[in-house]
Amino acid sequence: MTQLSHSTVPETAIPDPDTDLLALVARHDALWAACESDVATVDAVHELCQIEKVIAVTPAYTHSGLAGKNHVISRAEFSPAVMDIVRESLRLDVERCG
C-alpha cells in the first residue's frame, strides 16, 4: 500500500482584506481617547473627523471589519445627507460579508 505524502508547498497566510480598515479604526480609537482626555490638538481633532469619513465609505469585507466600521460610525456625527450615503455603504457591506 502506498502512503500519500503531504504537500511540500508551504502554507501561506491569507491576508485580511480589512487590514487597512482596521488600522484606521485603531487610529480613530486612539484619537478619540486623546479627545476625551483633553490632550488632543486641533490637528488631531481634524484627523479624527477625516478618518471618520474615510472609514464610513471604505468597504468592509469581513465581520471584524464591519464591526469596526459600525463602532466608528456610532460615534460620528454625520449630517442626515451623509448618513444616507453611510447607510448605503453599510447595506453593501452586509451583503458582502454575508
Protein backbone atom coordinates (compact mmCIF):
# COMPACT_ATOMS: atom_id res chain seq x y z
CA MET A 1 0.00 0.00 0.00
CA THR A 2 1.40 3.39 -0.98
CA GLN A 3 1.33 6.11 1.62
CA LEU A 4 0.31 9.54 0.42
CA SER A 5 2.81 12.23 1.19
CA HIS A 6 1.87 15.68 2.39
CA SER A 7 2.37 18.56 0.04
CA THR A 8 5.72 20.28 0.31
CA VAL A 9 4.19 23.59 -0.72
CA PRO A 10 4.40 25.91 2.29
CA GLU A 11 1.14 27.23 3.64
CA THR A 12 0.86 30.96 3.32
CA ALA A 13 -1.44 33.08 5.37
CA ILE A 14 -4.29 34.68 3.51
CA PRO A 15 -4.08 38.42 4.10
CA ASP A 16 -7.01 40.03 5.90
CA PRO A 17 -8.81 42.18 3.32
CA ASP A 18 -9.78 44.62 6.10
CA THR A 19 -6.25 45.24 7.40
CA ASP A 20 -6.25 48.88 6.28
CA LEU A 21 -9.79 49.49 7.53
CA LEU A 22 -8.98 48.02 10.94
CA ALA A 23 -5.81 50.14 11.14
CA LEU A 24 -7.96 53.23 10.53
CA VAL A 25 -10.38 52.10 13.24
CA ALA A 26 -7.47 51.68 15.69
CA ARG A 27 -6.15 55.14 14.78
CA HIS A 28 -9.65 56.58 15.28
CA ASP A 29 -9.89 54.95 18.72
CA ALA A 30 -6.53 56.46 19.73
CA LEU A 31 -7.58 59.91 18.55
CA TRP A 32 -10.95 59.53 20.28
CA ALA A 33 -9.22 58.67 23.56
CA ALA A 34 -6.98 61.72 23.21
CA CYS A 35 -10.02 63.93 22.62
CA GLU A 36 -11.79 62.52 25.68
CA SER A 37 -8.76 63.18 27.88
CA ASP A 38 -8.40 66.76 26.61
CA VAL A 39 -4.90 66.20 25.26
CA ALA A 40 -5.92 66.36 21.61
CA THR A 41 -4.62 69.12 19.38
CA VAL A 42 -6.69 70.85 16.75
CA ASP A 43 -4.85 68.76 14.16
CA ALA A 44 -5.82 65.55 15.99
CA VAL A 45 -9.48 66.57 16.04
CA HIS A 46 -9.29 67.38 12.32
CA GLU A 47 -7.67 63.99 11.62
CA LEU A 48 -10.37 62.25 13.68
CA CYS A 49 -13.12 63.85 11.58
CA GLN A 50 -11.35 62.99 8.33
CA ILE A 51 -10.79 59.37 9.35
CA GLU A 52 -14.48 59.01 10.24
CA LYS A 53 -15.40 59.97 6.67
CA VAL A 54 -12.88 57.60 5.14
CA ILE A 55 -14.00 54.70 7.34
CA ALA A 56 -17.67 55.37 6.59
CA VAL A 57 -17.21 54.78 2.85
CA THR A 58 -14.44 52.16 2.96
CA PRO A 59 -15.83 48.74 2.02
CA ALA A 60 -15.76 46.09 4.75
CA TYR A 61 -15.07 42.51 3.65
CA THR A 62 -15.12 40.69 6.99
CA HIS A 63 -17.30 40.67 10.08
CA SER A 64 -14.48 42.23 12.12
CA GLY A 65 -14.08 44.99 9.56
CA LEU A 66 -17.82 45.65 9.59
CA ALA A 67 -17.89 45.69 13.39
CA GLY A 68 -15.04 48.21 13.49
CA LYS A 69 -16.75 50.35 10.90
CA ASN A 70 -20.03 50.28 12.85
CA HIS A 71 -18.15 51.19 16.03
CA VAL A 72 -16.74 54.34 14.43
CA ILE A 73 -20.00 55.29 12.71
CA SER A 74 -21.85 55.03 16.03
CA ARG A 75 -19.56 57.75 17.41
CA ALA A 76 -19.52 60.01 14.36
CA GLU A 77 -21.82 62.96 13.92
CA PHE A 78 -22.76 62.97 10.25
CA SER A 79 -25.39 65.16 8.65
CA PRO A 80 -28.62 63.44 7.52
CA ALA A 81 -27.50 63.64 3.87
CA VAL A 82 -24.16 61.99 4.66
CA MET A 83 -25.91 59.34 6.77
CA ASP A 84 -27.91 58.32 3.67
CA ILE A 85 -24.61 57.55 1.93
CA VAL A 86 -23.25 55.80 5.02
CA ARG A 87 -26.37 53.61 5.32
CA GLU A 88 -25.98 52.55 1.68
CA SER A 89 -22.32 51.74 2.27
CA LEU A 90 -23.28 49.62 5.29
CA ARG A 91 -26.01 47.85 3.32
CA LEU A 92 -23.45 46.85 0.70
CA ASP A 93 -21.03 45.73 3.45
CA VAL A 94 -23.68 43.47 4.99
CA GLU A 95 -24.35 41.89 1.59
CA ARG A 96 -20.62 41.42 1.02
CA CYS A 97 -19.94 39.97 4.48
CA GLY A 98 -22.94 37.70 4.44
